[in-house]
């Protein structure tokens, strides 16, 4: 799996939608993505990568307890 980082300034259309830039869509390996709101920005994750990330986070938290 690939991690893509970067920042894009997006325009919101009249219906409150955005279009994920083609450059980012081309780098995604999955047709299903998750969008996670983070205050004044959001992150787009490939479903498989998000599941791996949350699994690793849970394992890390378990080890600290």
N, C-alpha and C. Protein backbone atom coordinates (compact mmCIF):
# COMPACT_ATOMS: atom_id res chain seq x y z
N UNK A 1 0.83 -1.17 0.00
CA UNK A 1 0.00 0.00 0.00
C UNK A 1 0.88 1.24 0.00
N UNK A 2 0.37 2.25 -0.57
CA UNK A 2 1.13 3.48 -0.76
C UNK A 2 0.54 4.58 0.12
N UNK A 3 1.39 5.40 0.69
CA UNK A 3 0.94 6.57 1.43
C UNK A 3 1.19 7.79 0.57
N UNK A 4 0.17 8.56 0.36
CA UNK A 4 0.27 9.76 -0.44
C UNK A 4 0.03 10.94 0.48
N UNK A 5 0.92 11.90 0.45
CA UNK A 5 0.69 13.09 1.25
C UNK A 5 0.66 14.29 0.33
N UNK A 6 0.05 15.31 0.80
CA UNK A 6 -0.03 16.53 0.01
C UNK A 6 -1.22 17.34 0.45
N UNK A 7 -1.26 18.52 -0.04
CA UNK A 7 -2.34 19.43 0.28
C UNK A 7 -2.92 19.97 -1.00
N UNK A 8 -4.23 19.97 -1.07
CA UNK A 8 -4.93 20.52 -2.22
C UNK A 8 -5.96 21.51 -1.72
N UNK A 9 -6.04 22.66 -2.36
CA UNK A 9 -7.10 23.60 -2.05
C UNK A 9 -8.24 23.29 -3.00
N UNK A 10 -9.41 22.99 -2.45
CA UNK A 10 -10.54 22.56 -3.25
C UNK A 10 -11.67 23.58 -3.18
N UNK A 11 -12.41 23.64 -4.23
CA UNK A 11 -13.60 24.51 -4.26
C UNK A 11 -14.82 23.66 -3.93
N UNK A 12 -15.71 24.25 -3.17
CA UNK A 12 -16.98 23.60 -2.82
C UNK A 12 -18.03 24.10 -3.79
N UNK A 13 -18.75 23.16 -4.41
CA UNK A 13 -19.77 23.58 -5.38
C UNK A 13 -21.04 24.05 -4.66
N UNK A 14 -22.02 24.47 -5.42
CA UNK A 14 -23.26 25.03 -4.88
C UNK A 14 -24.02 24.04 -3.99
N UNK A 15 -23.78 22.75 -4.18
CA UNK A 15 -24.44 21.72 -3.37
C UNK A 15 -23.59 21.24 -2.20
N UNK A 16 -22.46 21.92 -1.97
CA UNK A 16 -21.59 21.57 -0.84
C UNK A 16 -20.66 20.41 -1.11
N UNK A 17 -20.42 20.09 -2.37
CA UNK A 17 -19.56 18.94 -2.73
C UNK A 17 -18.18 19.42 -3.19
N UNK A 18 -17.24 18.51 -3.09
CA UNK A 18 -15.91 18.74 -3.64
C UNK A 18 -15.60 17.59 -4.60
N UNK A 19 -14.63 17.80 -5.46
CA UNK A 19 -14.13 16.74 -6.33
C UNK A 19 -12.72 16.41 -5.89
N UNK A 20 -12.46 15.14 -5.63
CA UNK A 20 -11.11 14.72 -5.28
C UNK A 20 -10.25 14.86 -6.53
N UNK A 21 -9.13 15.55 -6.45
CA UNK A 21 -8.30 15.80 -7.62
C UNK A 21 -7.86 14.50 -8.32
N UNK A 22 -7.80 14.55 -9.63
CA UNK A 22 -7.42 13.39 -10.43
C UNK A 22 -6.06 12.83 -10.00
N UNK A 23 -5.12 13.71 -9.69
CA UNK A 23 -3.78 13.25 -9.26
C UNK A 23 -3.88 12.34 -8.04
N UNK A 24 -4.77 12.66 -7.12
CA UNK A 24 -4.95 11.83 -5.93
C UNK A 24 -5.72 10.56 -6.27
N UNK A 25 -6.78 10.69 -7.05
CA UNK A 25 -7.56 9.51 -7.44
C UNK A 25 -6.68 8.50 -8.18
N UNK A 26 -5.79 8.98 -9.03
CA UNK A 26 -4.91 8.08 -9.79
C UNK A 26 -3.97 7.29 -8.89
N UNK A 27 -3.65 7.82 -7.72
CA UNK A 27 -2.72 7.15 -6.81
C UNK A 27 -3.41 6.19 -5.85
N UNK A 28 -4.72 6.24 -5.79
CA UNK A 28 -5.46 5.37 -4.89
C UNK A 28 -5.58 3.98 -5.52
N UNK A 29 -5.41 2.95 -4.69
CA UNK A 29 -5.47 1.57 -5.17
C UNK A 29 -6.84 0.95 -5.01
N UNK A 30 -7.77 1.69 -4.46
CA UNK A 30 -9.06 1.12 -4.09
C UNK A 30 -10.17 2.04 -4.58
N UNK A 31 -11.29 1.47 -5.00
CA UNK A 31 -12.42 2.28 -5.43
C UNK A 31 -13.20 2.84 -4.25
N UNK A 32 -12.98 2.29 -3.06
CA UNK A 32 -13.69 2.73 -1.87
C UNK A 32 -12.72 3.50 -0.99
N UNK A 33 -13.08 4.73 -0.67
CA UNK A 33 -12.24 5.53 0.21
C UNK A 33 -13.07 6.01 1.40
N UNK A 34 -12.38 6.36 2.46
CA UNK A 34 -13.02 6.91 3.64
C UNK A 34 -12.56 8.35 3.78
N UNK A 35 -13.47 9.23 4.10
CA UNK A 35 -13.13 10.64 4.31
C UNK A 35 -13.33 10.92 5.79
N UNK A 36 -12.26 11.37 6.43
CA UNK A 36 -12.29 11.62 7.87
C UNK A 36 -12.12 13.11 8.12
N UNK A 37 -13.14 13.74 8.73
CA UNK A 37 -13.06 15.15 9.06
C UNK A 37 -12.15 15.38 10.25
N UNK A 38 -11.32 16.41 10.13
CA UNK A 38 -10.36 16.72 11.18
C UNK A 38 -10.36 18.24 11.43
N UNK A 39 -11.42 18.76 12.01
CA UNK A 39 -11.49 20.20 12.28
C UNK A 39 -11.69 20.99 10.99
N UNK A 40 -10.66 21.71 10.59
CA UNK A 40 -10.77 22.55 9.40
C UNK A 40 -10.24 21.87 8.14
N UNK A 41 -9.97 20.57 8.22
CA UNK A 41 -9.51 19.82 7.04
C UNK A 41 -10.03 18.39 7.11
N UNK A 42 -9.76 17.63 6.08
CA UNK A 42 -10.15 16.22 6.11
C UNK A 42 -9.07 15.39 5.44
N UNK A 43 -9.10 14.12 5.73
CA UNK A 43 -8.16 13.16 5.16
C UNK A 43 -8.93 12.15 4.34
N UNK A 44 -8.33 11.72 3.23
CA UNK A 44 -8.92 10.69 2.37
C UNK A 44 -8.04 9.46 2.51
N UNK A 45 -8.65 8.35 2.91
CA UNK A 45 -7.92 7.10 3.13
C UNK A 45 -8.46 6.01 2.22
N UNK A 46 -7.57 5.17 1.71
CA UNK A 46 -8.01 3.94 1.07
C UNK A 46 -8.57 3.06 2.19
N UNK A 47 -9.66 2.38 1.91
CA UNK A 47 -10.32 1.56 2.94
C UNK A 47 -9.35 0.57 3.58
N UNK A 48 -8.61 -0.15 2.77
CA UNK A 48 -7.68 -1.16 3.28
C UNK A 48 -6.60 -0.53 4.15
N UNK A 49 -6.07 0.62 3.74
CA UNK A 49 -5.02 1.31 4.50
C UNK A 49 -5.57 1.80 5.84
N UNK A 50 -6.82 2.32 5.84
CA UNK A 50 -7.44 2.78 7.08
C UNK A 50 -7.59 1.63 8.06
N UNK A 51 -8.04 0.48 7.56
CA UNK A 51 -8.23 -0.68 8.43
C UNK A 51 -6.90 -1.11 9.03
N UNK A 52 -5.84 -1.10 8.23
CA UNK A 52 -4.51 -1.45 8.74
C UNK A 52 -4.07 -0.44 9.80
N UNK A 53 -4.27 0.84 9.53
CA UNK A 53 -3.88 1.90 10.46
C UNK A 53 -4.61 1.76 11.79
N UNK A 54 -5.93 1.54 11.76
CA UNK A 54 -6.68 1.43 13.01
C UNK A 54 -6.29 0.17 13.77
N UNK A 55 -6.00 -0.91 13.06
CA UNK A 55 -5.57 -2.14 13.72
C UNK A 55 -4.23 -1.90 14.43
N UNK A 56 -3.29 -1.24 13.75
CA UNK A 56 -1.99 -0.95 14.34
C UNK A 56 -2.14 -0.02 15.55
N UNK A 57 -3.05 0.96 15.46
CA UNK A 57 -3.27 1.89 16.57
C UNK A 57 -3.83 1.16 17.78
N UNK A 58 -4.78 0.25 17.55
CA UNK A 58 -5.36 -0.51 18.66
C UNK A 58 -4.31 -1.38 19.32
N UNK A 59 -3.44 -2.01 18.51
CA UNK A 59 -2.38 -2.86 19.07
C UNK A 59 -1.43 -2.02 19.90
N UNK A 60 -1.10 -0.83 19.42
CA UNK A 60 -0.19 0.07 20.14
C UNK A 60 -0.79 0.50 21.47
N UNK A 61 -2.08 0.82 21.48
CA UNK A 61 -2.74 1.24 22.71
C UNK A 61 -2.82 0.09 23.70
N UNK A 62 -3.04 -1.12 23.22
CA UNK A 62 -3.11 -2.29 24.08
C UNK A 62 -1.77 -2.53 24.77
N UNK A 63 -0.68 -2.34 24.04
CA UNK A 63 0.64 -2.54 24.63
C UNK A 63 0.96 -1.53 25.71
N UNK A 64 0.39 -0.30 25.63
CA UNK A 64 0.67 0.73 26.62
C UNK A 64 -0.08 0.50 27.92
N UNK A 65 -1.15 -0.28 27.89
CA UNK A 65 -1.97 -0.47 29.09
C UNK A 65 -1.35 -1.47 30.02
